[in-house]
Amino acid sequence: TLAAFAMFAIAISAHFRRESIAWILCIGFILKATEYAPFSTDQYVYYVEFNMYLYGAIKTLNVCISLCRNGKMQLSSECLSIAYYMTYLPYSTHIIVLYEEFIEQIGKRAKKDKNA
C-alpha cells in the first residue's frame, strides 16, 4: 500500500511539478491509511504500523517537494537514490531527514570511504 502510494505520488509530482498536489496526496493518504492499510488490533503494534505509514508518507512528501522545487532533477536519474532514501532503515521511524540532506550525507560517506 505504502510503496504503491509512494510511486504514484512521486510520479505525479515529477510530471506536474506542483507542491500542492504532493501535499494533498500525502495528507489524504495519512487520513485514509487506516481504511486501506491492514492495521493490527494490538495497540502497540498499531502504533508501530501507523508510524511506519506516517514516516513513509513524510518521506514521500520530501521526495515530491524536492522534485517540484528542482525542475532540473529528473525522476529517471533519481530512481535509485529515491529507493535508497525510502528504504534506509535508520531513518525509517525515528527522525525526519530531508531528501536533499540524505543525498548529501550519503555522498559524503561514499567520498570518505573512497578516500580511506
N, C-alpha and C. Protein backbone atom coordinates (compact mmCIF):
# COMPACT_ATOMS: atom_id res chain seq x y z
N THR A 1 0.82 -1.18 0.00
CA THR A 1 0.00 0.00 0.00
C THR A 1 0.88 1.26 0.00
N LEU A 2 1.84 1.32 0.92
CA LEU A 2 2.71 2.49 1.01
C LEU A 2 3.58 2.62 -0.23
N ALA A 3 4.14 1.51 -0.69
CA ALA A 3 5.01 1.56 -1.88
C ALA A 3 4.24 2.01 -3.11
N ALA A 4 3.03 1.50 -3.28
CA ALA A 4 2.21 1.90 -4.43
C ALA A 4 1.86 3.39 -4.35
N PHE A 5 1.49 3.84 -3.15
CA PHE A 5 1.19 5.26 -2.96
C PHE A 5 2.42 6.11 -3.28
N ALA A 6 3.58 5.71 -2.75
CA ALA A 6 4.80 6.49 -2.95
C ALA A 6 5.14 6.60 -4.44
N MET A 7 5.06 5.49 -5.15
CA MET A 7 5.36 5.53 -6.59
C MET A 7 4.39 6.44 -7.33
N PHE A 8 3.11 6.35 -6.99
CA PHE A 8 2.10 7.18 -7.64
C PHE A 8 2.34 8.66 -7.34
N ALA A 9 2.51 9.00 -6.07
CA ALA A 9 2.69 10.40 -5.68
C ALA A 9 3.96 10.99 -6.28
N ILE A 10 5.04 10.24 -6.28
CA ILE A 10 6.31 10.73 -6.83
C ILE A 10 6.18 10.93 -8.34
N ALA A 11 5.55 9.99 -9.03
CA ALA A 11 5.37 10.12 -10.49
C ALA A 11 4.51 11.33 -10.84
N ILE A 12 3.42 11.52 -10.11
CA ILE A 12 2.54 12.66 -10.36
C ILE A 12 3.27 13.97 -10.08
N SER A 13 4.02 14.01 -8.99
CA SER A 13 4.77 15.23 -8.65
C SER A 13 5.86 15.52 -9.67
N ALA A 14 6.52 14.48 -10.15
CA ALA A 14 7.57 14.68 -11.16
C ALA A 14 6.97 15.19 -12.47
N HIS A 15 5.77 14.76 -12.77
CA HIS A 15 5.12 15.18 -14.02
C HIS A 15 4.61 16.62 -13.95
N PHE A 16 3.86 16.94 -12.89
CA PHE A 16 3.22 18.26 -12.80
C PHE A 16 4.08 19.32 -12.11
N ARG A 17 5.03 18.89 -11.27
CA ARG A 17 5.92 19.82 -10.54
C ARG A 17 5.14 20.85 -9.72
N ARG A 18 4.12 20.38 -9.01
CA ARG A 18 3.30 21.24 -8.16
C ARG A 18 3.31 20.68 -6.74
N GLU A 19 3.82 21.47 -5.79
CA GLU A 19 3.88 21.02 -4.40
C GLU A 19 2.50 20.77 -3.82
N SER A 20 1.53 21.55 -4.22
CA SER A 20 0.18 21.40 -3.67
C SER A 20 -0.37 20.00 -3.94
N ILE A 21 -0.06 19.45 -5.10
CA ILE A 21 -0.52 18.09 -5.42
C ILE A 21 0.11 17.10 -4.44
N ALA A 22 1.40 17.25 -4.18
CA ALA A 22 2.09 16.35 -3.25
C ALA A 22 1.50 16.45 -1.85
N TRP A 23 1.25 17.67 -1.39
CA TRP A 23 0.67 17.87 -0.06
C TRP A 23 -0.71 17.22 0.04
N ILE A 24 -1.55 17.45 -0.95
CA ILE A 24 -2.90 16.88 -0.93
C ILE A 24 -2.85 15.36 -0.93
N LEU A 25 -2.01 14.79 -1.78
CA LEU A 25 -1.90 13.33 -1.83
C LEU A 25 -1.41 12.76 -0.51
N CYS A 26 -0.37 13.36 0.06
CA CYS A 26 0.22 12.81 1.29
C CYS A 26 -0.70 12.98 2.50
N ILE A 27 -1.33 14.13 2.63
CA ILE A 27 -2.26 14.32 3.74
C ILE A 27 -3.45 13.39 3.58
N GLY A 28 -3.94 13.27 2.35
CA GLY A 28 -5.05 12.34 2.10
C GLY A 28 -4.68 10.91 2.43
N PHE A 29 -3.46 10.52 2.08
CA PHE A 29 -3.01 9.16 2.39
C PHE A 29 -2.98 8.92 3.89
N ILE A 30 -2.43 9.86 4.63
CA ILE A 30 -2.34 9.71 6.08
C ILE A 30 -3.74 9.60 6.69
N LEU A 31 -4.65 10.43 6.23
CA LEU A 31 -6.01 10.42 6.77
C LEU A 31 -6.78 9.15 6.41
N LYS A 32 -6.50 8.60 5.24
CA LYS A 32 -7.25 7.43 4.77
C LYS A 32 -6.50 6.10 4.95
N ALA A 33 -5.27 6.15 5.42
CA ALA A 33 -4.47 4.92 5.52
C ALA A 33 -5.13 3.86 6.39
N THR A 34 -5.80 4.28 7.43
CA THR A 34 -6.43 3.30 8.32
C THR A 34 -7.55 2.54 7.63
N GLU A 35 -8.12 3.10 6.58
CA GLU A 35 -9.18 2.41 5.85
C GLU A 35 -8.65 1.39 4.86
N TYR A 36 -7.46 1.65 4.30
CA TYR A 36 -6.94 0.81 3.23
C TYR A 36 -5.79 -0.10 3.66
N ALA A 37 -5.05 0.29 4.65
CA ALA A 37 -3.90 -0.49 5.09
C ALA A 37 -4.33 -1.48 6.18
N PRO A 38 -3.73 -2.65 6.17
CA PRO A 38 -4.09 -3.64 7.19
C PRO A 38 -3.39 -3.35 8.52
N PHE A 39 -4.11 -2.75 9.46
CA PHE A 39 -3.55 -2.45 10.77
C PHE A 39 -3.93 -3.53 11.77
N SER A 40 -3.06 -3.76 12.73
CA SER A 40 -3.31 -4.75 13.78
C SER A 40 -4.24 -4.16 14.84
N THR A 41 -4.85 -5.04 15.62
CA THR A 41 -5.73 -4.58 16.69
C THR A 41 -4.97 -4.29 17.97
N ASP A 42 -3.82 -4.93 18.16
CA ASP A 42 -3.00 -4.67 19.33
C ASP A 42 -2.51 -3.22 19.29
N GLN A 43 -2.66 -2.51 20.42
CA GLN A 43 -2.34 -1.07 20.45
C GLN A 43 -0.89 -0.76 20.10
N TYR A 44 0.03 -1.51 20.67
CA TYR A 44 1.45 -1.24 20.42
C TYR A 44 1.79 -1.49 18.95
N VAL A 45 1.33 -2.62 18.43
CA VAL A 45 1.61 -2.95 17.03
C VAL A 45 0.96 -1.91 16.11
N TYR A 46 -0.25 -1.49 16.44
CA TYR A 46 -0.95 -0.46 15.66
C TYR A 46 -0.12 0.82 15.62
N TYR A 47 0.42 1.21 16.77
CA TYR A 47 1.25 2.42 16.85
C TYR A 47 2.47 2.31 15.94
N VAL A 48 3.14 1.17 15.98
CA VAL A 48 4.32 0.96 15.14
C VAL A 48 3.93 1.00 13.67
N GLU A 49 2.85 0.32 13.32
CA GLU A 49 2.41 0.30 11.93
C GLU A 49 2.00 1.69 11.45
N PHE A 50 1.27 2.41 12.28
CA PHE A 50 0.85 3.76 11.88
C PHE A 50 2.06 4.66 11.68
N ASN A 51 3.05 4.56 12.57
CA ASN A 51 4.27 5.35 12.41
C ASN A 51 5.00 5.01 11.12
N MET A 52 5.00 3.73 10.76
CA MET A 52 5.64 3.32 9.52
C MET A 52 4.96 4.02 8.33
N TYR A 53 3.63 4.01 8.32
CA TYR A 53 2.90 4.68 7.23
C TYR A 53 3.09 6.19 7.28
N LEU A 54 3.07 6.76 8.47
CA LEU A 54 3.23 8.21 8.62
C LEU A 54 4.61 8.65 8.14
N TYR A 55 5.67 8.00 8.61
CA TYR A 55 7.02 8.36 8.19
C TYR A 55 7.22 8.09 6.71
N GLY A 56 6.62 7.03 6.20
CA GLY A 56 6.70 6.75 4.77
C GLY A 56 6.06 7.86 3.95
N ALA A 57 4.91 8.34 4.41
CA ALA A 57 4.23 9.44 3.72
C ALA A 57 5.05 10.72 3.81
N ILE A 58 5.69 10.96 4.94
CA ILE A 58 6.52 12.16 5.09
C ILE A 58 7.74 12.07 4.18
N LYS A 59 8.36 10.90 4.10
CA LYS A 59 9.49 10.73 3.18
C LYS A 59 9.05 10.90 1.73
N THR A 60 7.88 10.37 1.41
CA THR A 60 7.34 10.55 0.06
C THR A 60 7.13 12.03 -0.22
N LEU A 61 6.58 12.75 0.73
CA LEU A 61 6.36 14.18 0.58
C LEU A 61 7.69 14.91 0.37
N ASN A 62 8.72 14.54 1.11
CA ASN A 62 10.04 15.17 0.95
C ASN A 62 10.58 14.98 -0.46
N VAL A 63 10.45 13.76 -0.99
CA VAL A 63 10.92 13.50 -2.35
C VAL A 63 10.11 14.32 -3.35
N CYS A 64 8.80 14.32 -3.18
CA CYS A 64 7.92 15.08 -4.09
C CYS A 64 8.26 16.56 -4.09
N ILE A 65 8.46 17.13 -2.92
CA ILE A 65 8.80 18.55 -2.82
C ILE A 65 10.15 18.82 -3.48
N SER A 66 11.11 17.93 -3.29
CA SER A 66 12.41 18.10 -3.94
C SER A 66 12.27 18.11 -5.46
N LEU A 67 11.47 17.20 -5.98
CA LEU A 67 11.25 17.15 -7.42
C LEU A 67 10.54 18.40 -7.92
N CYS A 68 9.59 18.90 -7.14
CA CYS A 68 8.85 20.10 -7.54
C CYS A 68 9.72 21.35 -7.51
N ARG A 69 10.57 21.45 -6.53
CA ARG A 69 11.40 22.66 -6.37
C ARG A 69 12.61 22.67 -7.28
N ASN A 70 13.04 21.51 -7.70
CA ASN A 70 14.22 21.42 -8.56
C ASN A 70 13.79 20.89 -9.92
N GLY A 71 13.47 21.80 -10.81
CA GLY A 71 12.99 21.41 -12.14
C GLY A 71 14.00 20.63 -12.96
N LYS A 72 15.28 20.78 -12.64
CA LYS A 72 16.32 20.06 -13.38
C LYS A 72 16.44 18.60 -12.94
N MET A 73 15.92 18.30 -11.77
CA MET A 73 16.01 16.95 -11.24
C MET A 73 15.07 16.03 -12.03
N GLN A 74 15.63 15.01 -12.64
CA GLN A 74 14.84 14.07 -13.44
C GLN A 74 14.56 12.81 -12.64
N LEU A 75 13.33 12.38 -12.68
CA LEU A 75 12.93 11.18 -11.94
C LEU A 75 13.73 9.97 -12.39
N SER A 76 13.99 9.85 -13.67
CA SER A 76 14.72 8.69 -14.19
C SER A 76 16.13 8.58 -13.62
N SER A 77 16.77 9.70 -13.38
CA SER A 77 18.13 9.67 -12.84
C SER A 77 18.15 9.58 -11.31
N GLU A 78 17.01 9.79 -10.68
CA GLU A 78 16.93 9.78 -9.22
C GLU A 78 16.32 8.50 -8.65
N CYS A 79 15.87 7.60 -9.49
CA CYS A 79 15.13 6.41 -9.02
C CYS A 79 15.89 5.62 -7.96
N LEU A 80 17.15 5.34 -8.21
CA LEU A 80 17.94 4.55 -7.26
C LEU A 80 18.11 5.30 -5.94
N SER A 81 18.41 6.59 -6.01
CA SER A 81 18.56 7.39 -4.79
C SER A 81 17.26 7.47 -4.00
N ILE A 82 16.15 7.62 -4.71
CA ILE A 82 14.84 7.68 -4.05
C ILE A 82 14.54 6.35 -3.36
N ALA A 83 14.80 5.24 -4.05
CA ALA A 83 14.56 3.92 -3.45
C ALA A 83 15.43 3.73 -2.21
N TYR A 84 16.68 4.17 -2.28
CA TYR A 84 17.59 4.06 -1.15
C TYR A 84 17.08 4.90 0.02
N TYR A 85 16.65 6.12 -0.27
CA TYR A 85 16.11 7.02 0.76
C TYR A 85 14.86 6.43 1.41
N MET A 86 13.97 5.90 0.60
CA MET A 86 12.71 5.38 1.12
C MET A 86 12.90 4.12 1.97
N THR A 87 13.95 3.37 1.71
CA THR A 87 14.16 2.11 2.44
C THR A 87 15.32 2.16 3.43
N TYR A 88 15.93 3.32 3.62
CA TYR A 88 17.07 3.44 4.53
C TYR A 88 16.58 3.28 5.96
N LEU A 89 16.87 2.15 6.56
CA LEU A 89 16.30 1.76 7.85
C LEU A 89 16.57 2.73 9.00
N PRO A 90 17.79 3.26 9.18
CA PRO A 90 18.00 4.16 10.32
C PRO A 90 17.09 5.39 10.33
N TYR A 91 16.61 5.81 9.17
CA TYR A 91 15.74 6.98 9.11
C TYR A 91 14.28 6.61 8.90
N SER A 92 13.92 5.38 9.19
CA SER A 92 12.57 4.93 8.84
C SER A 92 11.50 5.31 9.85
N THR A 93 11.82 5.39 11.14
CA THR A 93 10.77 5.67 12.12
C THR A 93 11.17 6.61 13.25
N HIS A 94 12.35 7.17 13.22
CA HIS A 94 12.78 7.95 14.37
C HIS A 94 13.02 9.42 14.08
N ILE A 95 13.66 9.72 12.97
CA ILE A 95 13.94 11.11 12.64
C ILE A 95 13.54 11.37 11.20
N ILE A 96 13.27 12.62 10.92
CA ILE A 96 12.90 13.00 9.56
C ILE A 96 14.10 13.72 8.94
N VAL A 97 14.59 13.18 7.85
CA VAL A 97 15.71 13.76 7.13
C VAL A 97 15.22 14.13 5.74
N LEU A 98 15.45 15.37 5.34
CA LEU A 98 15.04 15.80 4.01
C LEU A 98 15.79 15.01 2.94
N TYR A 99 15.16 14.82 1.81
CA TYR A 99 15.76 14.05 0.72
C TYR A 99 17.11 14.64 0.30
N GLU A 100 17.18 15.97 0.13
CA GLU A 100 18.43 16.60 -0.28
C GLU A 100 19.54 16.38 0.74
N GLU A 101 19.19 16.48 2.03
CA GLU A 101 20.18 16.26 3.08
C GLU A 101 20.65 14.81 3.09
N PHE A 102 19.74 13.89 2.85
CA PHE A 102 20.10 12.47 2.80
C PHE A 102 21.10 12.23 1.67
N ILE A 103 20.82 12.75 0.49
CA ILE A 103 21.72 12.57 -0.65
C ILE A 103 23.09 13.17 -0.35
N GLU A 104 23.10 14.32 0.29
CA GLU A 104 24.36 14.96 0.66
C GLU A 104 25.14 14.10 1.67
N GLN A 105 24.45 13.58 2.69
CA GLN A 105 25.10 12.74 3.70
C GLN A 105 25.67 11.47 3.09
N ILE A 106 24.89 10.82 2.24
CA ILE A 106 25.35 9.58 1.61
C ILE A 106 26.53 9.87 0.68
N GLY A 107 26.48 10.99 -0.03
CA GLY A 107 27.59 11.38 -0.90
C GLY A 107 28.87 11.61 -0.12
N LYS A 108 28.76 12.27 1.03
CA LYS A 108 29.94 12.50 1.87
C LYS A 108 30.50 11.18 2.40
N ARG A 109 29.61 10.28 2.81
CA ARG A 109 30.08 8.97 3.30
C ARG A 109 30.79 8.19 2.20
N ALA A 110 30.22 8.20 1.02
CA ALA A 110 30.82 7.46 -0.10
C ALA A 110 32.18 8.04 -0.45
N LYS A 111 32.29 9.36 -0.44
CA LYS A 111 33.55 10.02 -0.74
C LYS A 111 34.58 9.71 0.35
N LYS A 112 34.13 9.72 1.59
CA LYS A 112 35.02 9.42 2.72
C LYS A 112 35.52 7.97 2.64
N ASP A 113 34.62 7.05 2.31
CA ASP A 113 35.01 5.64 2.19
C ASP A 113 35.96 5.42 1.02
N LYS A 114 35.79 6.18 -0.04
CA LYS A 114 36.65 6.06 -1.21
C LYS A 114 38.06 6.53 -0.90
N ASN A 115 38.17 7.58 -0.08
CA ASN A 115 39.47 8.15 0.27
C ASN A 115 40.18 7.38 1.37
N ALA A 116 39.48 6.51 2.06
CA ALA A 116 40.09 5.78 3.18
C ALA A 116 40.92 4.61 2.72
